[in-house]
Amino acid sequence: MRIWFDILTPKQILFFEPMIKELQKHNTVLCTSRNYREVVALAKLRKMKIQFVGRHGGSSKSEKLAASLNRTSMLSKKILQFKPDATVSFCSPEAARVSFGLGIRHVAFCDSPHADAVMRLSVPLIQKLLTPWIIPKGEFTKFGIKEKDIVQYRAVDASVIVKGNTKKPRAKRMQKNILVRVEEDQAAYAQNSKSRILDIIDEIAKEFPNYTVMVLPRYGQQIAVLQKRFGNRIRILRKVAVGGDLLHDTDVFVGSGGTMTAESALSGIPTISYNAVPNLVQDYLVRKGLVILESDPKKIAHAIKKVLHSDNSALRNNAKSTLASMEDPLKKLIQVIKTGQHFRK
């Protein structure tokens, strides 16, 4: 069987990687992406064979439109030559349009119904949608897919990433580390949000001068802003890194509520979310007692102090049992796209 994966974000690289490795054993797999800083660098780190077609459109609506239209045109020619039996994406608008236009069955994953623009552009055109069981099907049917075409799996997507991370933490660390992830500020769903991240970092750096405060940005513009404001007060991680590798050496993680927040929580690391992008996966982790939700900089600093002086063994055990209860979404994917005798796991 010939399968096309369109992979657009760092999360999607880490989520799809084990699936691609397994499916490549007996199927022909094509992986495409776009020219996007973190994706290009992470693909190299993971030694993934990806063909880069088009580019990320940045924060401007007009540039997003131009980049998407151009990428759709370029992909249509490439996919016409590859002739896949199925497309797999994380609700890629370009993959949805190309697959619909060429009559290719499109199976998409999604745990982000809050990404309204992406949902509108992709969900009506896909044949099957795979999503975590904690997200009600009604979150997607409003975008034009039938309930019977939504397949739920008992896992959050970050669990796939955590289970696939085999790097061990350093045996001894003299310095305590606080890792902060800067939120996505170029996605359509983030355009109207007001960020407090600089104030949060400022408070953390002030309250924990004897700790290493590491900040992981997403874009070059964010690096420049951080450097101008904080200088050497914090450690700016300029190079793209595998989140799990950084988390192994992290004592407290402060995230925006996205994939790294979930990854940290399921790894048993004290995790605080400043809730830049409210979402249902984060809500689940808060209910499970794995994430502390707080947006006020002073209260975040107070929460960090509390967890640094606590025995977090109960948290680690909670994370371990929660992670162990989650299934592999690959099984659901195989069930959905197994349409012919030439497909084998």
C-alpha atoms as a PDB file:
ATOM      1  CA  MET A   1       0.000   0.000   0.000  1.00  0.00           C
ATOM      2  CA  ARG A   2       1.160   3.556  -0.714  1.00  0.00           C
ATOM      3  CA  ILE A   3       0.591   6.015   2.146  1.00  0.00           C
ATOM      4  CA  TRP A   4       1.202   9.765   2.175  1.00  0.00           C
ATOM      5  CA  PHE A   5       1.870  11.545   5.487  1.00  0.00           C
ATOM      6  CA  ASP A   6       1.716  15.353   5.501  1.00  0.00           C
ATOM      7  CA  ILE A   7       3.532  16.530   8.644  1.00  0.00           C
ATOM      8  CA  LEU A   8       3.320  20.209   9.546  1.00  0.00           C
ATOM      9  CA  THR A   9       4.513  20.775  13.137  1.00  0.00           C
ATOM     10  CA  PRO A  10       7.131  19.483  15.602  1.00  0.00           C
ATOM     11  CA  LYS A  11       4.395  17.682  17.536  1.00  0.00           C
ATOM     12  CA  GLN A  12       3.308  15.892  14.372  1.00  0.00           C
ATOM     13  CA  ILE A  13       6.866  14.699  13.666  1.00  0.00           C
ATOM     14  CA  LEU A  14       7.126  13.099  17.101  1.00  0.00           C
ATOM     15  CA  PHE A  15       3.553  11.766  17.029  1.00  0.00           C
ATOM     16  CA  PHE A  16       3.762  10.223  13.567  1.00  0.00           C
ATOM     17  CA  GLU A  17       7.362   8.987  13.779  1.00  0.00           C
ATOM     18  CA  PRO A  18       6.653   5.569  15.397  1.00  0.00           C
ATOM     19  CA  MET A  19       3.677   5.002  13.091  1.00  0.00           C
ATOM     20  CA  ILE A  20       5.758   5.763  10.007  1.00  0.00           C
ATOM     21  CA  LYS A  21       8.584   3.452  11.123  1.00  0.00           C
ATOM     22  CA  GLU A  22       6.131   0.594  11.604  1.00  0.00           C
ATOM     23  CA  LEU A  23       4.210   1.159   8.377  1.00  0.00           C
ATOM     24  CA  GLN A  24       7.395   1.507   6.294  1.00  0.00           C
ATOM     25  CA  LYS A  25       8.247  -2.126   6.991  1.00  0.00           C
ATOM     26  CA  HIS A  26       5.672  -3.382   4.494  1.00  0.00           C
ATOM     27  CA  ASN A  27       4.291  -0.291   2.738  1.00  0.00           C
ATOM     28  CA  THR A  28       5.605   2.557   0.611  1.00  0.00           C
ATOM     29  CA  VAL A  29       5.435   5.772   2.623  1.00  0.00           C
ATOM     30  CA  LEU A  30       5.935   9.349   1.431  1.00  0.00           C
ATOM     31  CA  CYS A  31       6.401  12.076   4.055  1.00  0.00           C
ATOM     32  CA  THR A  32       6.005  15.740   3.160  1.00  0.00           C
ATOM     33  CA  SER A  33       6.204  18.924   5.190  1.00  0.00           C
ATOM     34  CA  ARG A  34       6.810  22.645   4.700  1.00  0.00           C
ATOM     35  CA  ASN A  35       9.743  24.951   5.298  1.00  0.00           C
ATOM     36  CA  TYR A  36       9.197  25.801   8.960  1.00  0.00           C
ATOM     37  CA  ARG A  37      12.057  26.402  11.413  1.00  0.00           C
ATOM     38  CA  GLU A  38      11.300  23.853  14.117  1.00  0.00           C
ATOM     39  CA  VAL A  39      10.071  21.157  11.722  1.00  0.00           C
ATOM     40  CA  VAL A  40      13.137  21.326   9.464  1.00  0.00           C
ATOM     41  CA  ALA A  41      15.539  21.180  12.413  1.00  0.00           C
ATOM     42  CA  LEU A  42      13.624  18.457  14.259  1.00  0.00           C
ATOM     43  CA  ALA A  43      13.397  16.283  11.141  1.00  0.00           C
ATOM     44  CA  LYS A  44      17.187  16.431  10.910  1.00  0.00           C
ATOM     45  CA  LEU A  45      17.579  15.566  14.586  1.00  0.00           C
ATOM     46  CA  ARG A  46      15.251  12.572  14.219  1.00  0.00           C
ATOM     47  CA  LYS A  47      16.840  11.599  10.878  1.00  0.00           C
ATOM     48  CA  MET A  48      13.450  11.478   9.206  1.00  0.00           C
ATOM     49  CA  LYS A  49      13.242  11.417   5.428  1.00  0.00           C
ATOM     50  CA  ILE A  50      10.848  14.244   4.628  1.00  0.00           C
ATOM     51  CA  GLN A  51      10.308  16.140   1.377  1.00  0.00           C
ATOM     52  CA  PHE A  52       9.754  19.841   2.064  1.00  0.00           C
ATOM     53  CA  VAL A  53       7.116  21.380  -0.154  1.00  0.00           C
ATOM     54  CA  GLY A  54       6.250  25.058   0.252  1.00  0.00           C
ATOM     55  CA  ARG A  55       6.611  27.103   3.401  1.00  0.00           C
ATOM     56  CA  HIS A  56       4.938  28.266   6.589  1.00  0.00           C
ATOM     57  CA  GLY A  57       2.924  31.444   6.017  1.00  0.00           C
ATOM     58  CA  GLY A  58       3.901  33.278   9.210  1.00  0.00           C
ATOM     59  CA  SER A  59       1.458  35.431  11.153  1.00  0.00           C
ATOM     60  CA  SER A  60      -0.042  37.502   8.300  1.00  0.00           C
ATOM     61  CA  LYS A  61      -3.398  36.344   6.936  1.00  0.00           C
ATOM     62  CA  SER A  62      -2.447  37.278   3.386  1.00  0.00           C
ATOM     63  CA  GLU A  63       0.857  35.427   3.664  1.00  0.00           C
ATOM     64  CA  LYS A  64      -0.875  32.385   5.154  1.00  0.00           C
ATOM     65  CA  LEU A  65      -3.271  32.342   2.214  1.00  0.00           C
ATOM     66  CA  ALA A  66      -0.530  32.769  -0.395  1.00  0.00           C
ATOM     67  CA  ALA A  67       1.652  30.081   1.192  1.00  0.00           C
ATOM     68  CA  SER A  68      -1.233  27.611   1.434  1.00  0.00           C
ATOM     69  CA  LEU A  69      -2.381  28.153  -2.159  1.00  0.00           C
ATOM     70  CA  ASN A  70       1.146  27.782  -3.483  1.00  0.00           C
ATOM     71  CA  ARG A  71       1.799  24.687  -1.399  1.00  0.00           C
ATOM     72  CA  THR A  72      -1.462  23.087  -2.515  1.00  0.00           C
ATOM     73  CA  SER A  73      -0.470  23.574  -6.150  1.00  0.00           C
ATOM     74  CA  MET A  74       3.010  22.097  -5.633  1.00  0.00           C
ATOM     75  CA  LEU A  75       1.691  19.164  -3.610  1.00  0.00           C
ATOM     76  CA  SER A  76      -0.932  18.288  -6.215  1.00  0.00           C
ATOM     77  CA  LYS A  77       1.801  17.624  -8.791  1.00  0.00           C
ATOM     78  CA  LYS A  78       3.911  15.553  -6.411  1.00  0.00           C
ATOM     79  CA  ILE A  79       0.994  13.501  -5.115  1.00  0.00           C
ATOM     80  CA  LEU A  80      -0.334  12.906  -8.614  1.00  0.00           C
ATOM     81  CA  GLN A  81       2.996  11.212  -9.359  1.00  0.00           C
ATOM     82  CA  PHE A  82       3.156   9.267  -6.067  1.00  0.00           C
ATOM     83  CA  LYS A  83      -0.433   7.954  -6.396  1.00  0.00           C
ATOM     84  CA  PRO A  84      -1.100   7.121  -2.717  1.00  0.00           C
ATOM     85  CA  ASP A  85      -3.854   4.770  -1.614  1.00  0.00           C
ATOM     86  CA  ALA A  86      -4.394   6.828   1.534  1.00  0.00           C
ATOM     87  CA  THR A  87      -3.426  10.162   3.045  1.00  0.00           C
ATOM     88  CA  VAL A  88      -2.674  10.600   6.744  1.00  0.00           C
ATOM     89  CA  SER A  89      -2.340  14.043   8.298  1.00  0.00           C
ATOM     90  CA  PHE A  90      -3.110  16.069  11.377  1.00  0.00           C
ATOM     91  CA  CYS A  91      -5.891  17.933   9.568  1.00  0.00           C
ATOM     92  CA  SER A  92      -3.542  19.536   7.058  1.00  0.00           C
ATOM     93  CA  PRO A  93      -5.644  21.936   4.926  1.00  0.00           C
ATOM     94  CA  GLU A  94      -3.374  21.386   1.907  1.00  0.00           C
ATOM     95  CA  ALA A  95      -3.466  17.597   2.262  1.00  0.00           C
ATOM     96  CA  ALA A  96      -7.256  17.777   2.593  1.00  0.00           C
ATOM     97  CA  ARG A  97      -7.667  19.832  -0.579  1.00  0.00           C
ATOM     98  CA  VAL A  98      -5.225  17.773  -2.646  1.00  0.00           C
ATOM     99  CA  SER A  99      -6.649  14.455  -1.468  1.00  0.00           C
ATOM    100  CA  PHE A 100     -10.210  15.590  -2.147  1.00  0.00           C
ATOM    101  CA  GLY A 101      -9.274  16.871  -5.576  1.00  0.00           C
ATOM    102  CA  LEU A 102      -7.435  13.688  -6.568  1.00  0.00           C
ATOM    103  CA  GLY A 103      -9.935  11.287  -5.004  1.00  0.00           C
ATOM    104  CA  ILE A 104      -7.581   9.929  -2.317  1.00  0.00           C
ATOM    105  CA  ARG A 105      -8.963   8.612   0.969  1.00  0.00           C
ATOM    106  CA  HIS A 106      -7.844  10.946   3.758  1.00  0.00           C
ATOM    107  CA  VAL A 107      -7.569   9.825   7.381  1.00  0.00           C
ATOM    108  CA  ALA A 108      -6.790  12.659   9.801  1.00  0.00           C
ATOM    109  CA  PHE A 109      -5.883  12.891  13.464  1.00  0.00           C
ATOM    110  CA  CYS A 110      -6.889  15.866  15.590  1.00  0.00           C
ATOM    111  CA  ASP A 111      -6.924  16.840  19.257  1.00  0.00           C
ATOM    112  CA  SER A 112      -7.370  20.554  18.565  1.00  0.00           C
ATOM    113  CA  PRO A 113     -10.951  21.467  17.659  1.00  0.00           C
ATOM    114  CA  HIS A 114     -10.169  24.957  18.995  1.00  0.00           C
ATOM    115  CA  ALA A 115      -8.098  25.543  15.817  1.00  0.00           C
ATOM    116  CA  ASP A 116     -11.198  26.875  14.105  1.00  0.00           C
ATOM    117  CA  ALA A 117      -9.641  27.939  10.790  1.00  0.00           C
ATOM    118  CA  VAL A 118      -7.844  24.628  10.268  1.00  0.00           C
ATOM    119  CA  MET A 119     -10.995  22.691  11.165  1.00  0.00           C
ATOM    120  CA  ARG A 120     -13.105  24.598   8.638  1.00  0.00           C
ATOM    121  CA  LEU A 121     -10.553  24.042   5.876  1.00  0.00           C
ATOM    122  CA  SER A 122      -9.950  20.340   6.458  1.00  0.00           C
ATOM    123  CA  VAL A 123     -12.627  18.473   8.400  1.00  0.00           C
ATOM    124  CA  PRO A 124     -15.412  18.672   5.759  1.00  0.00           C
ATOM    125  CA  LEU A 125     -13.104  17.015   3.201  1.00  0.00           C
ATOM    126  CA  ILE A 126     -11.714  14.065   5.178  1.00  0.00           C
ATOM    127  CA  GLN A 127     -13.174  10.559   5.260  1.00  0.00           C
ATOM    128  CA  LYS A 128     -12.247   9.510   8.810  1.00  0.00           C
ATOM    129  CA  LEU A 129     -11.185  11.569  11.821  1.00  0.00           C
ATOM    130  CA  LEU A 130      -9.234   9.968  14.689  1.00  0.00           C
ATOM    131  CA  THR A 131      -9.281  11.776  18.030  1.00  0.00           C
ATOM    132  CA  PRO A 132      -8.718  11.213  21.767  1.00  0.00           C
ATOM    133  CA  TRP A 133     -11.713   9.798  23.619  1.00  0.00           C
ATOM    134  CA  ILE A 134     -11.862  12.806  25.945  1.00  0.00           C
ATOM    135  CA  ILE A 135     -12.944  15.103  23.098  1.00  0.00           C
ATOM    136  CA  PRO A 136     -16.707  14.947  22.409  1.00  0.00           C
ATOM    137  CA  LYS A 137     -17.566  14.131  18.823  1.00  0.00           C
ATOM    138  CA  GLY A 138     -19.774  17.213  18.732  1.00  0.00           C
ATOM    139  CA  GLU A 139     -16.622  19.344  18.797  1.00  0.00           C
ATOM    140  CA  PHE A 140     -15.993  18.129  15.228  1.00  0.00           C
ATOM    141  CA  THR A 141     -19.431  17.411  13.736  1.00  0.00           C
ATOM    142  CA  LYS A 142     -20.152  21.155  13.800  1.00  0.00           C
ATOM    143  CA  PHE A 143     -17.448  21.510  11.125  1.00  0.00           C
ATOM    144  CA  GLY A 144     -19.180  19.149   8.714  1.00  0.00           C
ATOM    145  CA  ILE A 145     -18.127  15.572   9.437  1.00  0.00           C
ATOM    146  CA  LYS A 146     -20.611  12.872  10.401  1.00  0.00           C
ATOM    147  CA  GLU A 147     -20.404  11.324  13.856  1.00  0.00           C
ATOM    148  CA  LYS A 148     -20.019   7.835  12.386  1.00  0.00           C
ATOM    149  CA  ASP A 149     -16.824   8.958  10.657  1.00  0.00           C
ATOM    150  CA  ILE A 150     -15.146   9.964  13.923  1.00  0.00           C
ATOM    151  CA  VAL A 151     -13.052   7.242  15.573  1.00  0.00           C
ATOM    152  CA  GLN A 152     -11.915   7.765  19.149  1.00  0.00           C
ATOM    153  CA  TYR A 153      -8.847   6.209  20.773  1.00  0.00           C
ATOM    154  CA  ARG A 154      -8.096   5.981  24.484  1.00  0.00           C
ATOM    155  CA  ALA A 155      -4.963   8.130  24.597  1.00  0.00           C
ATOM    156  CA  VAL A 156      -3.840  11.722  24.458  1.00  0.00           C
ATOM    157  CA  ASP A 157      -1.379  12.353  21.660  1.00  0.00           C
ATOM    158  CA  ALA A 158       1.486  13.313  23.954  1.00  0.00           C
ATOM    159  CA  SER A 159       1.446   9.772  25.363  1.00  0.00           C
ATOM    160  CA  VAL A 160       2.807   8.488  22.041  1.00  0.00           C
ATOM    161  CA  ILE A 161       5.682  10.956  22.287  1.00  0.00           C
ATOM    162  CA  VAL A 162       6.464  10.142  25.920  1.00  0.00           C
ATOM    163  CA  LYS A 163       6.451   6.388  25.314  1.00  0.00           C
ATOM    164  CA  GLY A 164       8.761   6.868  22.344  1.00  0.00           C
ATOM    165  CA  ASN A 165      11.320   8.906  24.286  1.00  0.00           C
ATOM    166  CA  THR A 166      14.006   6.516  25.519  1.00  0.00           C
ATOM    167  CA  LYS A 167      16.655   9.038  26.578  1.00  0.00           C
ATOM    168  CA  LYS A 168      17.638   8.724  30.242  1.00  0.00           C
ATOM    169  CA  PRO A 169      18.136  11.711  32.566  1.00  0.00           C
ATOM    170  CA  ARG A 170      21.611  12.569  33.765  1.00  0.00           C
ATOM    171  CA  ALA A 171      22.482  10.692  36.945  1.00  0.00           C
ATOM    172  CA  LYS A 172      23.624  13.801  38.826  1.00  0.00           C
ATOM    173  CA  ARG A 173      22.722  17.462  38.428  1.00  0.00           C
ATOM    174  CA  MET A 174      24.072  20.126  40.728  1.00  0.00           C
ATOM    175  CA  GLN A 175      21.782  22.838  39.370  1.00  0.00           C
ATOM    176  CA  LYS A 176      17.992  22.916  39.494  1.00  0.00           C
ATOM    177  CA  ASN A 177      16.348  23.666  36.140  1.00  0.00           C
ATOM    178  CA  ILE A 178      13.078  25.454  35.347  1.00  0.00           C
ATOM    179  CA  LEU A 179      12.017  25.101  31.715  1.00  0.00           C
ATOM    180  CA  VAL A 180       9.602  27.583  30.131  1.00  0.00           C
ATOM    181  CA  ARG A 181       8.032  27.051  26.705  1.00  0.00           C
ATOM    182  CA  VAL A 182       6.986  30.176  24.815  1.00  0.00           C
ATOM    183  CA  GLU A 183       3.532  29.857  23.280  1.00  0.00           C
ATOM    184  CA  GLU A 184       2.638  29.616  19.610  1.00  0.00           C
ATOM    185  CA  ASP A 185       1.940  33.167  18.442  1.00  0.00           C
ATOM    186  CA  GLN A 186       1.726  32.730  14.660  1.00  0.00           C
ATOM    187  CA  ALA A 187      -1.100  30.199  14.443  1.00  0.00           C
ATOM    188  CA  ALA A 188      -4.499  31.499  13.387  1.00  0.00           C
ATOM    189  CA  TYR A 189      -6.057  30.424  16.696  1.00  0.00           C
ATOM    190  CA  ALA A 190      -3.498  32.531  18.640  1.00  0.00           C
ATOM    191  CA  GLN A 191      -3.837  35.792  16.745  1.00  0.00           C
ATOM    192  CA  ASN A 192      -6.181  37.494  19.195  1.00  0.00           C
ATOM    193  CA  SER A 193      -4.627  36.300  22.451  1.00  0.00           C
ATOM    194  CA  LYS A 194      -2.689  38.659  24.728  1.00  0.00           C
ATOM    195  CA  SER A 195       0.482  37.032  25.975  1.00  0.00           C
ATOM    196  CA  ARG A 196       1.825  37.371  29.518  1.00  0.00           C
ATOM    197  CA  ILE A 197       4.843  35.182  28.906  1.00  0.00           C
ATOM    198  CA  LEU A 198       7.448  37.952  29.250  1.00  0.00           C
ATOM    199  CA  ASP A 199       6.043  38.975  32.632  1.00  0.00           C
ATOM    200  CA  ILE A 200       5.974  35.330  33.700  1.00  0.00           C
ATOM    201  CA  ILE A 201       9.605  34.775  32.723  1.00  0.00           C
ATOM    202  CA  ASP A 202      10.584  38.030  34.443  1.00  0.00           C
ATOM    203  CA  GLU A 203       8.974  36.925  37.694  1.00  0.00           C
ATOM    204  CA  ILE A 204      10.545  33.461  37.548  1.00  0.00           C
ATOM    205  CA  ALA A 205      14.015  34.887  36.848  1.00  0.00           C
ATOM    206  CA  LYS A 206      13.612  37.334  39.746  1.00  0.00           C
ATOM    207  CA  GLU A 207      12.355  34.763  42.256  1.00  0.00           C
ATOM    208  CA  PHE A 208      14.809  31.989  41.338  1.00  0.00           C
ATOM    209  CA  PRO A 209      18.215  33.617  40.770  1.00  0.00           C
ATOM    210  CA  ASN A 210      20.054  30.468  41.839  1.00  0.00           C
ATOM    211  CA  TYR A 211      18.197  28.240  39.386  1.00  0.00           C
ATOM    212  CA  THR A 212      18.804  27.790  35.681  1.00  0.00           C
ATOM    213  CA  VAL A 213      15.778  29.302  33.933  1.00  0.00           C
ATOM    214  CA  MET A 214      15.717  27.813  30.438  1.00  0.00           C
ATOM    215  CA  VAL A 215      13.368  29.293  27.859  1.00  0.00           C
ATOM    216  CA  LEU A 216      12.464  27.428  24.667  1.00  0.00           C
ATOM    217  CA  PRO A 217      11.146  29.790  21.943  1.00  0.00           C
ATOM    218  CA  ARG A 218       9.565  28.828  18.620  1.00  0.00           C
ATOM    219  CA  TYR A 219      10.580  31.578  16.209  1.00  0.00           C
ATOM    220  CA  GLY A 220      13.558  33.809  15.505  1.00  0.00           C
ATOM    221  CA  GLN A 221      11.478  36.868  16.423  1.00  0.00           C
ATOM    222  CA  GLN A 222      10.819  35.406  19.870  1.00  0.00           C
ATOM    223  CA  ILE A 223      14.536  34.788  20.389  1.00  0.00           C
ATOM    224  CA  ALA A 224      15.290  38.429  19.566  1.00  0.00           C
ATOM    225  CA  VAL A 225      12.635  39.726  21.987  1.00  0.00           C
ATOM    226  CA  LEU A 226      13.863  37.457  24.785  1.00  0.00           C
ATOM    227  CA  GLN A 227      17.484  38.451  24.256  1.00  0.00           C
ATOM    228  CA  LYS A 228      16.656  42.161  24.305  1.00  0.00           C
ATOM    229  CA  ARG A 229      14.615  41.969  27.493  1.00  0.00           C
ATOM    230  CA  PHE A 230      16.488  39.396  29.574  1.00  0.00           C
ATOM    231  CA  GLY A 231      20.047  39.212  28.288  1.00  0.00           C
ATOM    232  CA  ASN A 232      21.985  36.735  30.432  1.00  0.00           C
ATOM    233  CA  ARG A 233      19.364  36.534  33.181  1.00  0.00           C
ATOM    234  CA  ILE A 234      17.927  33.450  31.499  1.00  0.00           C
ATOM    235  CA  ARG A 235      19.254  30.715  29.234  1.00  0.00           C
ATOM    236  CA  ILE A 236      17.618  31.101  25.823  1.00  0.00           C
ATOM    237  CA  LEU A 237      17.578  27.781  23.955  1.00  0.00           C
ATOM    238  CA  ARG A 238      18.269  29.065  20.468  1.00  0.00           C
ATOM    239  CA  LYS A 239      18.659  25.665  18.835  1.00  0.00           C
ATOM    240  CA  VAL A 240      15.661  23.453  18.187  1.00  0.00           C
ATOM    241  CA  ALA A 241      15.649  20.514  20.582  1.00  0.00           C
ATOM    242  CA  VAL A 242      13.580  17.394  21.217  1.00  0.00           C
ATOM    243  CA  GLY A 243      11.257  18.396  24.032  1.00  0.00           C
ATOM    244  CA  GLY A 244      11.560  15.076  25.817  1.00  0.00           C
ATOM    245  CA  ASP A 245      15.345  15.384  25.976  1.00  0.00           C
ATOM    246  CA  LEU A 246      15.021  18.744  27.719  1.00  0.00           C
ATOM    247  CA  LEU A 247      12.320  17.491  30.066  1.00  0.00           C
ATOM    248  CA  HIS A 248      14.584  14.732  31.375  1.00  0.00           C
ATOM    249  CA  ASP A 249      16.734  17.443  32.964  1.00  0.00           C
ATOM    250  CA  THR A 250      13.844  19.633  34.124  1.00  0.00           C
ATOM    251  CA  ASP A 251      12.611  20.033  37.709  1.00  0.00           C
ATOM    252  CA  VAL A 252       9.593  22.229  36.887  1.00  0.00           C
ATOM    253  CA  PHE A 253       8.008  22.904  33.519  1.00  0.00           C
ATOM    254  CA  VAL A 254       5.972  26.023  32.693  1.00  0.00           C
ATOM    255  CA  GLY A 255       4.101  25.703  29.399  1.00  0.00           C
ATOM    256  CA  SER A 256       1.354  27.281  27.345  1.00  0.00           C
ATOM    257  CA  GLY A 257      -1.021  24.322  27.539  1.00  0.00           C
ATOM    258  CA  GLY A 258      -0.023  22.553  24.338  1.00  0.00           C
ATOM    259  CA  THR A 259       1.822  19.359  23.518  1.00  0.00           C
ATOM    260  CA  MET A 260       4.904  19.959  25.671  1.00  0.00           C
ATOM    261  CA  THR A 261       2.675  20.703  28.639  1.00  0.00           C
ATOM    262  CA  ALA A 262       0.964  17.342  28.191  1.00  0.00           C
ATOM    263  CA  GLU A 263       4.297  15.624  27.563  1.00  0.00           C
ATOM    264  CA  SER A 264       5.746  17.053  30.768  1.00  0.00           C
ATOM    265  CA  ALA A 265       2.671  16.116  32.793  1.00  0.00           C
ATOM    266  CA  LEU A 266       2.663  12.512  31.556  1.00  0.00           C
ATOM    267  CA  SER A 267       6.382  12.293  32.320  1.00  0.00           C
ATOM    268  CA  GLY A 268       5.661  12.995  35.987  1.00  0.00           C
ATOM    269  CA  ILE A 269       7.311  16.426  36.031  1.00  0.00           C
ATOM    270  CA  PRO A 270       5.649  19.174  38.084  1.00  0.00           C
ATOM    271  CA  THR A 271       3.856  21.106  35.350  1.00  0.00           C
ATOM    272  CA  ILE A 272       2.277  24.543  35.357  1.00  0.00           C
ATOM    273  CA  SER A 273       0.283  25.861  32.397  1.00  0.00           C
ATOM    274  CA  TYR A 274      -0.251  29.574  31.864  1.00  0.00           C
ATOM    275  CA  ASN A 275      -3.195  28.605  29.651  1.00  0.00           C
ATOM    276  CA  ALA A 276      -2.282  30.560  26.518  1.00  0.00           C
ATOM    277  CA  VAL A 277      -4.453  28.255  24.435  1.00  0.00           C
ATOM    278  CA  PRO A 278      -7.291  26.691  26.491  1.00  0.00           C
ATOM    279  CA  ASN A 279      -8.058  23.207  25.219  1.00  0.00           C
ATOM    280  CA  LEU A 280      -9.757  19.955  26.177  1.00  0.00           C
ATOM    281  CA  VAL A 281      -6.584  17.882  26.571  1.00  0.00           C
ATOM    282  CA  GLN A 282      -5.245  20.364  29.083  1.00  0.00           C
ATOM    283  CA  ASP A 283      -8.578  20.322  30.926  1.00  0.00           C
ATOM    284  CA  TYR A 284      -8.298  16.535  31.233  1.00  0.00           C
ATOM    285  CA  LEU A 285      -4.758  16.743  32.651  1.00  0.00           C
ATOM    286  CA  VAL A 286      -5.862  19.378  35.157  1.00  0.00           C
ATOM    287  CA  ARG A 287      -8.710  17.108  36.298  1.00  0.00           C
ATOM    288  CA  LYS A 288      -6.218  14.244  36.668  1.00  0.00           C
ATOM    289  CA  GLY A 289      -4.089  16.399  38.965  1.00  0.00           C
ATOM    290  CA  LEU A 290      -1.159  16.386  36.553  1.00  0.00           C
ATOM    291  CA  VAL A 291      -1.210  20.087  35.568  1.00  0.00           C
ATOM    292  CA  ILE A 292      -1.529  23.244  37.662  1.00  0.00           C
ATOM    293  CA  LEU A 293      -3.429  25.958  35.809  1.00  0.00           C
ATOM    294  CA  GLU A 294      -2.285  29.498  36.596  1.00  0.00           C
ATOM    295  CA  SER A 295      -1.725  32.641  34.512  1.00  0.00           C
ATOM    296  CA  ASP A 296      -0.712  35.236  37.121  1.00  0.00           C
ATOM    297  CA  PRO A 297       3.113  35.612  37.158  1.00  0.00           C
ATOM    298  CA  LYS A 298       3.389  35.914  40.964  1.00  0.00           C
ATOM    299  CA  LYS A 299       1.106  32.945  41.556  1.00  0.00           C
ATOM    300  CA  ILE A 300       3.119  30.895  39.053  1.00  0.00           C
ATOM    301  CA  ALA A 301       6.305  31.710  40.970  1.00  0.00           C
ATOM    302  CA  HIS A 302       4.566  30.699  44.215  1.00  0.00           C
ATOM    303  CA  ALA A 303       3.437  27.402  42.657  1.00  0.00           C
ATOM    304  CA  ILE A 304       6.994  26.688  41.501  1.00  0.00           C
ATOM    305  CA  LYS A 305       8.309  27.249  45.039  1.00  0.00           C
ATOM    306  CA  LYS A 306       5.700  24.887  46.417  1.00  0.00           C
ATOM    307  CA  VAL A 307       6.481  21.990  44.061  1.00  0.00           C
ATOM    308  CA  LEU A 308      10.247  22.457  44.410  1.00  0.00           C
ATOM    309  CA  HIS A 309       9.907  21.925  48.151  1.00  0.00           C
ATOM    310  CA  SER A 310       7.479  19.016  47.902  1.00  0.00           C
ATOM    311  CA  ASP A 311       7.778  15.268  47.641  1.00  0.00           C
ATOM    312  CA  ASN A 312       6.350  14.693  44.165  1.00  0.00           C
ATOM    313  CA  SER A 313       6.302  10.890  44.291  1.00  0.00           C
ATOM    314  CA  ALA A 314       2.483  10.795  44.224  1.00  0.00           C
ATOM    315  CA  LEU A 315       2.531  12.967  41.110  1.00  0.00           C
ATOM    316  CA  ARG A 316       5.041  10.661  39.414  1.00  0.00           C
ATOM    317  CA  ASN A 317       2.987   7.585  40.275  1.00  0.00           C
ATOM    318  CA  ASN A 318      -0.166   9.265  38.992  1.00  0.00           C
ATOM    319  CA  ALA A 319       1.550  10.137  35.717  1.00  0.00           C
ATOM    320  CA  LYS A 320       2.953   6.623  35.349  1.00  0.00           C
ATOM    321  CA  SER A 321      -0.410   4.926  35.824  1.00  0.00           C
ATOM    322  CA  THR A 322      -2.183   7.427  33.553  1.00  0.00           C
ATOM    323  CA  LEU A 323       0.384   6.894  30.802  1.00  0.00           C
ATOM    324  CA  ALA A 324       0.194   3.102  31.136  1.00  0.00           C
ATOM    325  CA  SER A 325      -3.593   3.186  30.673  1.00  0.00           C
ATOM    326  CA  MET A 326      -3.334   4.751  27.215  1.00  0.00           C
ATOM    327  CA  GLU A 327      -3.487   2.753  23.992  1.00  0.00           C
ATOM    328  CA  ASP A 328      -1.412   3.065  20.820  1.00  0.00           C
ATOM    329  CA  PRO A 329      -3.347   5.107  18.201  1.00  0.00           C
ATOM    330  CA  LEU A 330      -1.524   3.157  15.466  1.00  0.00           C
ATOM    331  CA  LYS A 331      -3.941   0.279  16.061  1.00  0.00           C
ATOM    332  CA  LYS A 332      -6.878   2.531  15.247  1.00  0.00           C
ATOM    333  CA  LEU A 333      -5.116   3.931  12.194  1.00  0.00           C
ATOM    334  CA  ILE A 334      -4.489   0.439  10.839  1.00  0.00           C
ATOM    335  CA  GLN A 335      -8.136  -0.506  11.346  1.00  0.00           C
ATOM    336  CA  VAL A 336      -9.283   2.589   9.472  1.00  0.00           C
ATOM    337  CA  ILE A 337      -6.964   2.515   6.450  1.00  0.00           C
ATOM    338  CA  LYS A 338      -6.823  -1.248   5.992  1.00  0.00           C
ATOM    339  CA  THR A 339      -8.783  -1.305   2.754  1.00  0.00           C
ATOM    340  CA  GLY A 340      -6.946  -3.897   0.655  1.00  0.00           C
ATOM    341  CA  GLN A 341      -4.976  -7.106   0.882  1.00  0.00           C
ATOM    342  CA  HIS A 342      -1.722  -5.301   0.078  1.00  0.00           C
ATOM    343  CA  PHE A 343      -1.788  -3.449   3.380  1.00  0.00           C
ATOM    344  CA  ARG A 344       0.127  -5.080   6.200  1.00  0.00           C
ATOM    345  CA  LYS A 345       1.348  -3.816   9.576  1.00  0.00           C
END
